[in-house]
């Protein structure tokens, strides 16, 4: 039997490599074409507020639609040793949607992101078995323990942005996504989702590995 540390990490991410010629027009205008689906993602990931005043009376209007659930699962784990399954499902599906939009923006697929279909982007998250699957107190400090990862990821994403500029030019001239750069961008995204799963979605107590494999 595999030990816990030998088992696959509870958050797994991959994107199917597009071993074909990609749409050059779509790639050229990707930052524009992604706007509609990015607005949809923003609508389900947060809210919009507006403040105005009429005759010195101030009014605030807001519209919110969910977003990643962090505080509520933390409190349930802390006081009830429970992670409600529908909260877990919401967080997982929102992460998957965001991953599809992110992969599209990163030119890894030229099919427009779906709001619900998996397409070429795969994000699997293991549901934490309770009460033994998660520590009661660790969720209070996971965001703090993950600080070394934040530092590494800042530099990795800077390199990834440079790599994406090279990828964009490569697709425009050759129609192909260089495999080495694809693996690098995919690895940075995988690392990011592992940290998010650990520190903010709170689905595992296993500290994320310092690698993108």
N, C-alpha and C. Protein backbone atom coordinates (compact mmCIF):
# COMPACT_ATOMS: atom_id res chain seq x y z
N UNK A 1 0.85 -1.20 0.00
CA UNK A 1 0.00 0.00 0.00
C UNK A 1 0.89 1.24 0.00
N UNK A 2 0.52 2.25 -0.81
CA UNK A 2 1.28 3.48 -0.87
C UNK A 2 1.10 4.29 0.40
N UNK A 3 2.19 4.89 0.87
CA UNK A 3 2.07 5.79 2.00
C UNK A 3 1.36 7.06 1.54
N UNK A 4 0.95 7.87 2.51
CA UNK A 4 0.21 9.08 2.17
C UNK A 4 1.04 9.99 1.27
N UNK A 5 2.35 10.10 1.55
CA UNK A 5 3.19 11.00 0.78
C UNK A 5 3.50 10.45 -0.61
N UNK A 6 3.34 9.13 -0.80
CA UNK A 6 3.58 8.54 -2.11
C UNK A 6 2.35 8.61 -3.01
N UNK A 7 1.20 8.91 -2.42
CA UNK A 7 -0.03 8.99 -3.20
C UNK A 7 -0.06 10.30 -4.00
N UNK A 8 -0.81 10.32 -5.11
CA UNK A 8 -0.93 11.56 -5.88
C UNK A 8 -1.45 12.70 -5.03
N UNK A 9 -0.98 13.92 -5.32
CA UNK A 9 -1.45 15.06 -4.55
C UNK A 9 -2.96 15.24 -4.76
N UNK A 10 -3.70 15.62 -3.72
CA UNK A 10 -5.17 15.69 -3.83
C UNK A 10 -5.70 16.70 -4.84
N UNK A 11 -4.86 17.61 -5.32
CA UNK A 11 -5.26 18.56 -6.36
C UNK A 11 -4.40 18.28 -7.59
N UNK A 12 -5.05 17.89 -8.69
CA UNK A 12 -4.32 17.49 -9.89
C UNK A 12 -4.83 18.32 -11.07
N UNK A 13 -3.89 18.82 -11.87
CA UNK A 13 -4.23 19.70 -12.98
C UNK A 13 -3.44 19.29 -14.22
N UNK A 14 -4.11 19.28 -15.35
CA UNK A 14 -3.43 19.02 -16.62
C UNK A 14 -4.24 19.60 -17.76
N UNK A 15 -3.56 19.86 -18.86
CA UNK A 15 -4.20 20.35 -20.08
C UNK A 15 -3.72 19.48 -21.23
N UNK A 16 -4.63 19.03 -22.07
CA UNK A 16 -4.25 18.23 -23.24
C UNK A 16 -3.43 19.09 -24.20
N UNK A 17 -2.26 18.58 -24.57
CA UNK A 17 -1.42 19.33 -25.50
C UNK A 17 -2.08 19.39 -26.88
N UNK A 18 -2.22 20.57 -27.48
CA UNK A 18 -2.85 20.68 -28.80
C UNK A 18 -1.87 20.30 -29.91
N UNK A 19 -1.78 19.02 -30.20
CA UNK A 19 -0.83 18.54 -31.21
C UNK A 19 -1.42 18.74 -32.60
N UNK A 20 -1.62 19.99 -32.93
CA UNK A 20 -2.24 20.37 -34.20
C UNK A 20 -1.95 21.84 -34.43
N UNK A 21 -2.34 22.34 -35.59
CA UNK A 21 -2.17 23.76 -35.87
C UNK A 21 -3.28 24.55 -35.20
N UNK A 22 -2.91 25.54 -34.44
CA UNK A 22 -3.88 26.35 -33.71
C UNK A 22 -4.38 27.50 -34.58
N UNK A 23 -5.55 28.00 -34.25
CA UNK A 23 -6.16 29.10 -34.98
C UNK A 23 -5.36 30.38 -34.75
N UNK A 24 -4.75 30.91 -35.81
CA UNK A 24 -3.88 32.07 -35.65
C UNK A 24 -4.67 33.35 -35.39
N UNK A 25 -5.82 33.48 -36.01
CA UNK A 25 -6.63 34.68 -35.79
C UNK A 25 -7.11 34.73 -34.35
N UNK A 26 -7.60 33.59 -33.86
CA UNK A 26 -8.05 33.53 -32.46
C UNK A 26 -6.91 33.83 -31.51
N UNK A 27 -5.73 33.29 -31.80
CA UNK A 27 -4.57 33.54 -30.94
C UNK A 27 -4.15 35.00 -30.99
N UNK A 28 -4.20 35.61 -32.16
CA UNK A 28 -3.82 37.01 -32.31
C UNK A 28 -4.70 37.91 -31.45
N UNK A 29 -6.00 37.61 -31.42
CA UNK A 29 -6.97 38.47 -30.73
C UNK A 29 -7.43 37.88 -29.40
N UNK A 30 -6.67 36.93 -28.85
CA UNK A 30 -7.12 36.21 -27.65
C UNK A 30 -7.47 37.13 -26.49
N UNK A 31 -6.65 38.15 -26.27
CA UNK A 31 -6.89 39.03 -25.13
C UNK A 31 -8.19 39.81 -25.27
N UNK A 32 -8.69 39.93 -26.51
CA UNK A 32 -9.98 40.59 -26.75
C UNK A 32 -11.11 39.56 -26.69
N UNK A 33 -10.90 38.42 -27.32
CA UNK A 33 -11.95 37.41 -27.38
C UNK A 33 -12.26 36.79 -26.03
N UNK A 34 -11.32 36.86 -25.10
CA UNK A 34 -11.56 36.26 -23.79
C UNK A 34 -12.46 37.14 -22.92
N UNK A 35 -12.65 38.40 -23.30
CA UNK A 35 -13.38 39.35 -22.45
C UNK A 35 -14.78 38.87 -22.07
N UNK A 36 -15.63 38.40 -23.01
CA UNK A 36 -16.99 37.99 -22.60
C UNK A 36 -17.00 36.88 -21.54
N UNK A 37 -16.19 35.84 -21.75
CA UNK A 37 -16.21 34.75 -20.78
C UNK A 37 -15.53 35.16 -19.49
N UNK A 38 -14.57 36.11 -19.57
CA UNK A 38 -13.94 36.63 -18.35
C UNK A 38 -14.96 37.40 -17.51
N UNK A 39 -15.88 38.10 -18.18
CA UNK A 39 -16.93 38.82 -17.46
C UNK A 39 -17.86 37.84 -16.76
N UNK A 40 -18.19 36.75 -17.45
CA UNK A 40 -19.03 35.71 -16.83
C UNK A 40 -18.33 35.13 -15.61
N UNK A 41 -17.03 34.83 -15.75
CA UNK A 41 -16.27 34.29 -14.63
C UNK A 41 -16.25 35.27 -13.47
N UNK A 42 -16.05 36.55 -13.77
CA UNK A 42 -16.04 37.56 -12.71
C UNK A 42 -17.40 37.64 -12.02
N UNK A 43 -18.47 37.44 -12.80
CA UNK A 43 -19.82 37.54 -12.24
C UNK A 43 -20.10 36.45 -11.21
N UNK A 44 -19.53 35.26 -11.43
CA UNK A 44 -19.77 34.17 -10.48
C UNK A 44 -18.66 34.08 -9.43
N UNK A 45 -17.62 34.88 -9.59
CA UNK A 45 -16.50 34.82 -8.67
C UNK A 45 -16.49 35.95 -7.64
N UNK A 46 -17.38 36.94 -7.82
CA UNK A 46 -17.36 38.06 -6.89
C UNK A 46 -18.58 38.90 -7.05
N UNK A 47 -18.42 40.19 -6.91
CA UNK A 47 -19.58 41.08 -6.99
C UNK A 47 -19.20 42.44 -7.52
N UNK A 48 -20.20 43.24 -7.77
CA UNK A 48 -20.02 44.60 -8.25
C UNK A 48 -20.80 45.52 -7.33
N UNK A 49 -20.18 46.62 -6.94
CA UNK A 49 -20.89 47.57 -6.08
C UNK A 49 -20.77 48.97 -6.65
N UNK A 50 -21.75 49.80 -6.35
CA UNK A 50 -21.76 51.18 -6.84
C UNK A 50 -22.32 52.08 -5.75
N UNK A 51 -21.68 53.22 -5.55
CA UNK A 51 -22.13 54.15 -4.52
C UNK A 51 -22.42 55.51 -5.17
N UNK A 52 -23.54 56.08 -4.81
CA UNK A 52 -23.89 57.40 -5.35
C UNK A 52 -24.70 58.16 -4.31
N UNK A 53 -24.79 59.45 -4.49
CA UNK A 53 -25.51 60.27 -3.52
C UNK A 53 -26.51 61.17 -4.24
N UNK A 54 -27.64 61.34 -3.63
CA UNK A 54 -28.68 62.24 -4.14
C UNK A 54 -29.15 63.09 -2.98
N UNK A 55 -28.96 64.42 -3.11
CA UNK A 55 -29.35 65.35 -2.04
C UNK A 55 -28.74 64.95 -0.70
N UNK A 56 -27.43 64.64 -0.74
CA UNK A 56 -26.62 64.27 0.43
C UNK A 56 -26.98 62.91 1.00
N UNK A 57 -27.93 62.22 0.40
CA UNK A 57 -28.24 60.86 0.85
C UNK A 57 -27.45 59.87 0.01
N UNK A 58 -26.69 59.06 0.69
CA UNK A 58 -25.80 58.13 0.01
C UNK A 58 -26.44 56.75 -0.08
N UNK A 59 -26.35 56.16 -1.27
CA UNK A 59 -26.94 54.83 -1.48
C UNK A 59 -25.89 53.92 -2.09
N UNK A 60 -25.85 52.71 -1.64
CA UNK A 60 -24.92 51.72 -2.18
C UNK A 60 -25.71 50.54 -2.72
N UNK A 61 -25.42 50.16 -3.93
CA UNK A 61 -26.04 48.98 -4.52
C UNK A 61 -24.95 47.97 -4.81
N UNK A 62 -25.28 46.72 -4.67
CA UNK A 62 -24.28 45.68 -4.92
C UNK A 62 -24.94 44.45 -5.50
N UNK A 63 -24.15 43.71 -6.23
CA UNK A 63 -24.62 42.44 -6.78
C UNK A 63 -23.49 41.44 -6.64
N UNK A 64 -23.74 40.34 -5.98
CA UNK A 64 -22.70 39.34 -5.75
C UNK A 64 -23.22 37.97 -6.12
N UNK A 65 -22.31 37.11 -6.55
CA UNK A 65 -22.71 35.76 -6.93
C UNK A 65 -21.61 34.78 -6.54
N UNK A 66 -21.48 34.58 -5.24
CA UNK A 66 -20.61 33.52 -4.77
C UNK A 66 -19.15 33.89 -4.67
N UNK A 67 -18.31 33.22 -5.47
CA UNK A 67 -16.89 33.29 -5.32
C UNK A 67 -16.40 32.08 -4.54
N UNK A 68 -15.09 31.94 -4.42
CA UNK A 68 -14.52 30.82 -3.68
C UNK A 68 -14.94 30.91 -2.22
N UNK A 69 -15.46 29.82 -1.68
CA UNK A 69 -15.87 29.78 -0.28
C UNK A 69 -14.65 29.45 0.57
N UNK A 70 -14.27 30.35 1.44
CA UNK A 70 -13.12 30.14 2.32
C UNK A 70 -13.51 30.18 3.79
N UNK A 71 -14.12 31.29 4.23
CA UNK A 71 -14.42 31.46 5.64
C UNK A 71 -15.44 30.44 6.15
N UNK A 72 -16.49 30.19 5.35
CA UNK A 72 -17.52 29.25 5.80
C UNK A 72 -16.96 27.83 5.98
N UNK A 73 -16.23 27.26 4.99
CA UNK A 73 -15.63 25.94 5.23
C UNK A 73 -14.65 25.95 6.40
N UNK A 74 -13.88 27.04 6.56
CA UNK A 74 -12.94 27.11 7.68
C UNK A 74 -13.68 26.99 9.02
N UNK A 75 -14.79 27.72 9.15
CA UNK A 75 -15.55 27.67 10.40
C UNK A 75 -16.17 26.30 10.63
N UNK A 76 -16.66 25.67 9.56
CA UNK A 76 -17.25 24.34 9.70
C UNK A 76 -16.20 23.30 10.09
N UNK A 77 -15.01 23.40 9.50
CA UNK A 77 -13.93 22.48 9.86
C UNK A 77 -13.51 22.71 11.31
N UNK A 78 -13.44 23.97 11.70
CA UNK A 78 -12.99 24.33 13.04
C UNK A 78 -13.97 23.87 14.12
N UNK A 79 -15.25 24.08 13.91
CA UNK A 79 -16.22 23.83 14.97
C UNK A 79 -16.99 22.51 14.80
N UNK A 80 -17.12 22.03 13.56
CA UNK A 80 -17.92 20.83 13.34
C UNK A 80 -17.13 19.66 12.75
N UNK A 81 -15.85 19.88 12.39
CA UNK A 81 -15.04 18.86 11.73
C UNK A 81 -15.76 18.33 10.49
N UNK A 82 -16.28 19.26 9.69
CA UNK A 82 -17.09 18.87 8.54
C UNK A 82 -16.85 19.84 7.40
N UNK A 83 -16.79 19.30 6.16
CA UNK A 83 -16.69 20.13 4.95
C UNK A 83 -17.92 19.78 4.10
N UNK A 84 -18.96 20.61 4.14
CA UNK A 84 -20.19 20.28 3.41
C UNK A 84 -19.91 19.98 1.94
N UNK A 85 -20.48 18.89 1.46
CA UNK A 85 -20.16 18.43 0.12
C UNK A 85 -20.55 19.45 -0.94
N UNK A 86 -21.66 20.14 -0.79
CA UNK A 86 -22.07 21.08 -1.84
C UNK A 86 -21.18 22.31 -1.86
N UNK A 87 -20.59 22.66 -0.71
CA UNK A 87 -19.60 23.75 -0.72
C UNK A 87 -18.35 23.31 -1.46
N UNK A 88 -17.95 22.07 -1.21
CA UNK A 88 -16.80 21.52 -1.92
C UNK A 88 -17.05 21.49 -3.42
N UNK A 89 -18.24 21.03 -3.83
CA UNK A 89 -18.57 20.95 -5.26
C UNK A 89 -18.56 22.34 -5.90
N UNK A 90 -19.08 23.34 -5.20
CA UNK A 90 -19.08 24.70 -5.73
C UNK A 90 -17.65 25.19 -5.96
N UNK A 91 -16.80 25.03 -4.94
CA UNK A 91 -15.41 25.48 -5.07
C UNK A 91 -14.69 24.75 -6.21
N UNK A 92 -14.90 23.45 -6.30
CA UNK A 92 -14.23 22.67 -7.35
C UNK A 92 -14.68 23.12 -8.73
N UNK A 93 -15.99 23.28 -8.94
CA UNK A 93 -16.48 23.65 -10.26
C UNK A 93 -16.08 25.08 -10.63
N UNK A 94 -16.02 25.97 -9.64
CA UNK A 94 -15.57 27.33 -9.93
C UNK A 94 -14.10 27.34 -10.30
N UNK A 95 -13.29 26.53 -9.62
CA UNK A 95 -11.87 26.41 -9.99
C UNK A 95 -11.73 25.84 -11.39
N UNK A 96 -12.54 24.86 -11.73
CA UNK A 96 -12.47 24.26 -13.07
C UNK A 96 -12.83 25.29 -14.14
N UNK A 97 -13.86 26.06 -13.89
CA UNK A 97 -14.26 27.09 -14.85
C UNK A 97 -13.13 28.10 -15.03
N UNK A 98 -12.57 28.55 -13.91
CA UNK A 98 -11.46 29.48 -13.98
C UNK A 98 -10.25 28.90 -14.69
N UNK A 99 -10.02 27.60 -14.51
CA UNK A 99 -8.89 26.94 -15.18
C UNK A 99 -9.09 26.92 -16.69
N UNK A 100 -10.33 26.69 -17.14
CA UNK A 100 -10.59 26.70 -18.58
C UNK A 100 -10.36 28.08 -19.18
N UNK A 101 -10.82 29.11 -18.47
CA UNK A 101 -10.60 30.47 -18.96
C UNK A 101 -9.11 30.79 -18.95
N UNK A 102 -8.41 30.38 -17.89
CA UNK A 102 -6.98 30.64 -17.81
C UNK A 102 -6.20 29.95 -18.90
N UNK A 103 -6.55 28.69 -19.19
CA UNK A 103 -5.85 27.95 -20.25
C UNK A 103 -6.13 28.57 -21.62
N UNK A 104 -7.35 29.06 -21.82
CA UNK A 104 -7.68 29.72 -23.08
C UNK A 104 -6.87 31.01 -23.23
N UNK A 105 -6.79 31.79 -22.16
CA UNK A 105 -6.01 33.03 -22.20
C UNK A 105 -4.53 32.74 -22.42
N UNK A 106 -4.06 31.59 -21.89
CA UNK A 106 -2.66 31.20 -22.06
C UNK A 106 -2.40 30.52 -23.39
N UNK A 107 -3.40 30.55 -24.29
CA UNK A 107 -3.26 30.04 -25.66
C UNK A 107 -3.11 28.52 -25.73
N UNK A 108 -3.45 27.82 -24.64
CA UNK A 108 -3.26 26.37 -24.59
C UNK A 108 -4.36 25.61 -25.31
N UNK A 109 -5.43 26.31 -25.63
CA UNK A 109 -6.53 25.71 -26.38
C UNK A 109 -7.25 26.84 -27.11
N UNK A 110 -7.64 26.59 -28.36
CA UNK A 110 -8.35 27.64 -29.09
C UNK A 110 -9.85 27.38 -29.14
N UNK A 111 -10.35 26.40 -28.39
CA UNK A 111 -11.79 26.22 -28.23
C UNK A 111 -12.28 27.15 -27.12
N UNK A 112 -13.38 27.86 -27.40
CA UNK A 112 -13.85 28.84 -26.42
C UNK A 112 -14.25 28.13 -25.12
N UNK A 113 -13.89 28.69 -23.95
CA UNK A 113 -14.16 28.00 -22.68
C UNK A 113 -15.64 27.77 -22.44
N UNK A 114 -15.95 26.56 -22.00
CA UNK A 114 -17.31 26.22 -21.62
C UNK A 114 -17.52 26.56 -20.15
N UNK A 115 -18.76 26.88 -19.80
CA UNK A 115 -19.06 27.15 -18.39
C UNK A 115 -19.20 25.87 -17.59
N UNK A 116 -19.40 24.72 -18.26
CA UNK A 116 -19.63 23.50 -17.49
C UNK A 116 -18.94 22.25 -18.06
N UNK A 117 -18.54 22.23 -19.32
CA UNK A 117 -17.91 21.05 -19.88
C UNK A 117 -16.41 21.07 -19.64
N UNK A 118 -15.82 19.90 -19.45
CA UNK A 118 -14.40 19.79 -19.09
C UNK A 118 -13.47 20.25 -20.21
N UNK A 119 -13.82 19.95 -21.45
CA UNK A 119 -13.00 20.27 -22.62
C UNK A 119 -11.59 19.67 -22.45
N UNK A 120 -10.55 20.42 -22.75
CA UNK A 120 -9.19 19.87 -22.70
C UNK A 120 -8.48 20.16 -21.38
N UNK A 121 -9.18 20.82 -20.46
CA UNK A 121 -8.57 21.22 -19.19
C UNK A 121 -9.12 20.34 -18.07
N UNK A 122 -8.22 19.69 -17.34
CA UNK A 122 -8.62 18.71 -16.32
C UNK A 122 -8.12 19.16 -14.95
N UNK A 123 -9.05 19.38 -14.04
CA UNK A 123 -8.72 19.74 -12.67
C UNK A 123 -9.50 18.83 -11.73
N UNK A 124 -8.79 17.94 -11.07
CA UNK A 124 -9.41 16.99 -10.15
C UNK A 124 -9.02 17.32 -8.73
N UNK A 125 -10.02 17.33 -7.84
CA UNK A 125 -9.79 17.63 -6.43
C UNK A 125 -10.45 16.54 -5.60
N UNK A 126 -9.68 15.92 -4.73
CA UNK A 126 -10.22 14.85 -3.88
C UNK A 126 -11.03 15.46 -2.75
N UNK A 127 -12.23 14.90 -2.52
CA UNK A 127 -13.05 15.36 -1.41
C UNK A 127 -12.43 14.90 -0.10
N UNK A 128 -12.22 15.80 0.86
CA UNK A 128 -11.59 15.40 2.12
C UNK A 128 -12.54 14.59 2.99
N UNK A 129 -12.11 13.41 3.36
CA UNK A 129 -12.91 12.58 4.26
C UNK A 129 -12.84 13.16 5.66
N UNK A 130 -13.97 13.29 6.29
CA UNK A 130 -14.04 13.89 7.62
C UNK A 130 -14.58 12.84 8.59
N UNK A 131 -14.21 12.93 9.88
CA UNK A 131 -13.47 14.01 10.51
C UNK A 131 -11.95 13.85 10.47
N UNK A 132 -11.44 12.71 9.97
CA UNK A 132 -10.00 12.47 10.05
C UNK A 132 -9.23 13.06 8.88
N UNK A 133 -9.91 13.52 7.84
CA UNK A 133 -9.21 13.98 6.65
C UNK A 133 -8.55 15.33 6.79
N UNK A 134 -9.05 16.17 7.70
CA UNK A 134 -8.51 17.51 7.86
C UNK A 134 -8.30 17.81 9.34
N UNK A 135 -7.22 18.50 9.64
CA UNK A 135 -6.98 18.96 11.00
C UNK A 135 -7.97 20.07 11.35
N UNK A 136 -8.36 20.12 12.60
CA UNK A 136 -9.31 21.15 13.02
C UNK A 136 -8.66 22.53 13.04
N UNK A 137 -7.40 22.62 13.45
CA UNK A 137 -6.77 23.91 13.67
C UNK A 137 -5.89 24.38 12.52
N UNK A 138 -5.39 23.47 11.71
CA UNK A 138 -4.46 23.86 10.65
C UNK A 138 -5.04 24.85 9.65
N UNK A 139 -6.33 24.78 9.29
CA UNK A 139 -6.88 25.76 8.34
C UNK A 139 -6.71 27.22 8.77
N UNK A 140 -6.52 27.46 10.06
CA UNK A 140 -6.34 28.84 10.54
C UNK A 140 -5.02 29.44 10.07
N UNK A 141 -4.03 28.59 9.80
CA UNK A 141 -2.70 29.11 9.47
C UNK A 141 -2.19 28.64 8.12
N UNK A 142 -2.98 27.92 7.35
CA UNK A 142 -2.49 27.43 6.06
C UNK A 142 -2.07 28.56 5.13
N UNK A 143 -2.85 29.64 5.11
CA UNK A 143 -2.51 30.78 4.24
C UNK A 143 -1.15 31.36 4.62
N UNK A 144 -0.80 31.27 5.91
CA UNK A 144 0.49 31.78 6.38
C UNK A 144 1.61 30.80 6.04
N UNK A 145 1.36 29.52 6.21
CA UNK A 145 2.37 28.50 5.93
C UNK A 145 2.73 28.46 4.44
N UNK A 146 1.81 28.93 3.60
CA UNK A 146 2.03 28.87 2.14
C UNK A 146 2.83 30.06 1.63
N UNK A 147 3.28 30.96 2.48
CA UNK A 147 4.02 32.14 2.03
C UNK A 147 5.23 31.80 1.16
N UNK A 148 6.03 30.78 1.49
CA UNK A 148 7.14 30.44 0.58
C UNK A 148 6.68 30.13 -0.84
N UNK A 149 5.53 29.50 -0.96
CA UNK A 149 5.00 29.22 -2.30
C UNK A 149 4.61 30.50 -3.02
N UNK A 150 4.02 31.45 -2.30
CA UNK A 150 3.64 32.71 -2.94
C UNK A 150 4.87 33.38 -3.56
N UNK A 151 5.96 33.37 -2.82
CA UNK A 151 7.18 34.03 -3.29
C UNK A 151 7.69 33.35 -4.56
N UNK A 152 7.75 32.01 -4.53
CA UNK A 152 8.22 31.27 -5.70
C UNK A 152 7.30 31.51 -6.89
N UNK A 153 5.99 31.50 -6.64
CA UNK A 153 5.03 31.64 -7.73
C UNK A 153 5.08 33.03 -8.38
N UNK A 154 5.41 34.06 -7.61
CA UNK A 154 5.55 35.39 -8.22
C UNK A 154 6.60 35.35 -9.32
N UNK A 155 7.74 34.73 -9.03
CA UNK A 155 8.81 34.66 -10.03
C UNK A 155 8.44 33.72 -11.18
N UNK A 156 7.79 32.60 -10.85
CA UNK A 156 7.39 31.68 -11.90
C UNK A 156 6.40 32.32 -12.86
N UNK A 157 5.46 33.11 -12.34
CA UNK A 157 4.48 33.75 -13.21
C UNK A 157 5.11 34.86 -14.05
N UNK A 158 6.15 35.51 -13.52
CA UNK A 158 6.87 36.50 -14.34
C UNK A 158 7.52 35.81 -15.53
N UNK A 159 8.15 34.65 -15.28
CA UNK A 159 8.75 33.88 -16.37
C UNK A 159 7.66 33.37 -17.32
N UNK A 160 6.51 32.98 -16.75
CA UNK A 160 5.42 32.46 -17.59
C UNK A 160 4.88 33.53 -18.53
N UNK A 161 4.79 34.77 -18.06
CA UNK A 161 4.31 35.86 -18.91
C UNK A 161 5.25 36.06 -20.09
N UNK A 162 6.55 36.04 -19.80
CA UNK A 162 7.54 36.16 -20.89
C UNK A 162 7.39 34.99 -21.86
N UNK A 163 7.21 33.79 -21.30
CA UNK A 163 7.06 32.61 -22.14
C UNK A 163 5.83 32.72 -23.03
N UNK A 164 4.75 33.31 -22.51
CA UNK A 164 3.52 33.42 -23.29
C UNK A 164 3.68 34.41 -24.45
N UNK A 165 4.50 35.42 -24.26
CA UNK A 165 4.78 36.33 -25.38
C UNK A 165 5.48 35.56 -26.50
N UNK A 166 6.44 34.72 -26.12
CA UNK A 166 7.15 33.89 -27.11
C UNK A 166 6.18 32.92 -27.77
N UNK A 167 5.30 32.32 -26.96
CA UNK A 167 4.31 31.38 -27.49
C UNK A 167 3.40 32.08 -28.50
N UNK A 168 2.94 33.26 -28.14
CA UNK A 168 2.04 34.02 -29.02
C UNK A 168 2.68 34.25 -30.39
N UNK A 169 3.94 34.65 -30.38
CA UNK A 169 4.65 34.87 -31.64
C UNK A 169 4.85 33.56 -32.39
N UNK A 170 5.15 32.49 -31.66
CA UNK A 170 5.37 31.19 -32.30
C UNK A 170 4.10 30.70 -32.99
N UNK A 171 2.94 30.88 -32.33
CA UNK A 171 1.68 30.45 -32.94
C UNK A 171 1.36 31.29 -34.17
N UNK A 172 1.61 32.59 -34.09
CA UNK A 172 1.32 33.45 -35.24
C UNK A 172 2.15 33.06 -36.47
N UNK A 173 3.40 32.65 -36.25
CA UNK A 173 4.28 32.34 -37.37
C UNK A 173 4.25 30.87 -37.78
N UNK A 174 4.02 29.97 -36.82
CA UNK A 174 4.09 28.53 -37.13
C UNK A 174 2.77 27.81 -36.91
N UNK A 175 1.87 28.41 -36.15
CA UNK A 175 0.61 27.74 -35.85
C UNK A 175 0.73 26.70 -34.75
N UNK A 176 1.91 26.54 -34.15
CA UNK A 176 2.13 25.50 -33.15
C UNK A 176 2.52 26.10 -31.81
N UNK A 177 2.17 25.39 -30.74
CA UNK A 177 2.53 25.77 -29.38
C UNK A 177 3.78 24.99 -29.01
N UNK A 178 4.95 25.63 -28.82
CA UNK A 178 6.17 24.89 -28.48
C UNK A 178 5.95 24.00 -27.26
N UNK A 179 6.28 22.72 -27.39
CA UNK A 179 5.94 21.75 -26.34
C UNK A 179 6.64 22.08 -25.01
N UNK A 180 7.89 22.50 -25.05
CA UNK A 180 8.59 22.82 -23.82
C UNK A 180 7.94 23.96 -23.07
N UNK A 181 7.53 25.00 -23.78
CA UNK A 181 6.87 26.14 -23.14
C UNK A 181 5.48 25.75 -22.65
N UNK A 182 4.80 24.86 -23.38
CA UNK A 182 3.49 24.37 -22.94
C UNK A 182 3.63 23.67 -21.59
N UNK A 183 4.61 22.78 -21.48
CA UNK A 183 4.82 22.05 -20.23
C UNK A 183 5.16 23.00 -19.09
N UNK A 184 5.93 24.05 -19.38
CA UNK A 184 6.29 25.01 -18.34
C UNK A 184 5.06 25.76 -17.84
N UNK A 185 4.25 26.30 -18.76
CA UNK A 185 3.06 27.05 -18.36
C UNK A 185 2.08 26.14 -17.62
N UNK A 186 1.90 24.93 -18.12
CA UNK A 186 1.03 23.97 -17.44
C UNK A 186 1.53 23.70 -16.03
N UNK A 187 2.84 23.56 -15.87
CA UNK A 187 3.41 23.29 -14.56
C UNK A 187 3.20 24.43 -13.58
N UNK A 188 3.34 25.67 -14.05
CA UNK A 188 3.11 26.82 -13.19
C UNK A 188 1.65 26.87 -12.75
N UNK A 189 0.75 26.58 -13.67
CA UNK A 189 -0.68 26.56 -13.32
C UNK A 189 -0.98 25.44 -12.34
N UNK A 190 -0.37 24.28 -12.54
CA UNK A 190 -0.57 23.14 -11.63
C UNK A 190 -0.10 23.51 -10.22
N UNK A 191 1.07 24.11 -10.12
CA UNK A 191 1.61 24.53 -8.83
C UNK A 191 0.66 25.51 -8.16
N UNK A 192 0.15 26.46 -8.94
CA UNK A 192 -0.76 27.46 -8.40
C UNK A 192 -2.02 26.82 -7.83
N UNK A 193 -2.62 25.88 -8.56
CA UNK A 193 -3.85 25.26 -8.09
C UNK A 193 -3.62 24.40 -6.86
N UNK A 194 -2.44 23.79 -6.74
CA UNK A 194 -2.13 23.04 -5.53
C UNK A 194 -2.11 23.96 -4.31
N UNK A 195 -1.49 25.13 -4.46
CA UNK A 195 -1.41 26.08 -3.36
C UNK A 195 -2.80 26.61 -3.02
N UNK A 196 -3.60 26.91 -4.04
CA UNK A 196 -4.97 27.37 -3.80
C UNK A 196 -5.77 26.30 -3.06
N UNK A 197 -5.63 25.05 -3.48
CA UNK A 197 -6.36 23.96 -2.83
C UNK A 197 -5.97 23.80 -1.38
N UNK A 198 -4.69 24.00 -1.09
CA UNK A 198 -4.20 23.85 0.28
C UNK A 198 -4.56 25.04 1.16
N UNK A 199 -4.26 26.25 0.69
CA UNK A 199 -4.33 27.43 1.55
C UNK A 199 -5.69 28.11 1.58
N UNK A 200 -6.47 27.99 0.52
CA UNK A 200 -7.70 28.77 0.42
C UNK A 200 -8.96 27.92 0.25
N UNK A 201 -8.88 26.84 -0.50
CA UNK A 201 -10.05 25.96 -0.62
C UNK A 201 -10.06 24.94 0.50
N UNK A 202 -8.91 24.72 1.14
CA UNK A 202 -8.79 23.94 2.37
C UNK A 202 -9.17 22.48 2.21
N UNK A 203 -8.87 21.89 1.03
CA UNK A 203 -9.29 20.52 0.78
C UNK A 203 -8.27 19.48 1.24
N UNK A 204 -7.09 19.92 1.66
CA UNK A 204 -6.07 18.97 2.08
C UNK A 204 -5.14 19.60 3.10
N UNK A 205 -4.57 18.76 3.97
CA UNK A 205 -3.55 19.21 4.91
C UNK A 205 -2.15 18.91 4.40
N UNK A 206 -2.03 18.21 3.27
CA UNK A 206 -0.72 17.90 2.72
C UNK A 206 -0.10 19.16 2.12
N UNK A 207 1.08 19.51 2.60
CA UNK A 207 1.75 20.71 2.11
C UNK A 207 2.10 20.53 0.65
N UNK A 208 1.84 21.54 -0.19
CA UNK A 208 2.13 21.40 -1.62
C UNK A 208 3.62 21.17 -1.87
N UNK A 209 3.96 20.28 -2.80
CA UNK A 209 5.37 20.06 -3.12
C UNK A 209 5.95 21.25 -3.86
N UNK A 210 7.27 21.44 -3.71
CA UNK A 210 7.95 22.52 -4.42
C UNK A 210 8.42 22.03 -5.78
N UNK A 211 7.46 21.61 -6.58
CA UNK A 211 7.75 21.22 -7.97
C UNK A 211 6.45 21.29 -8.74
N UNK A 212 6.57 21.28 -10.05
CA UNK A 212 5.41 21.42 -10.93
C UNK A 212 5.01 20.10 -11.57
N UNK A 213 5.63 19.01 -11.16
CA UNK A 213 5.35 17.71 -11.78
C UNK A 213 4.03 17.15 -11.27
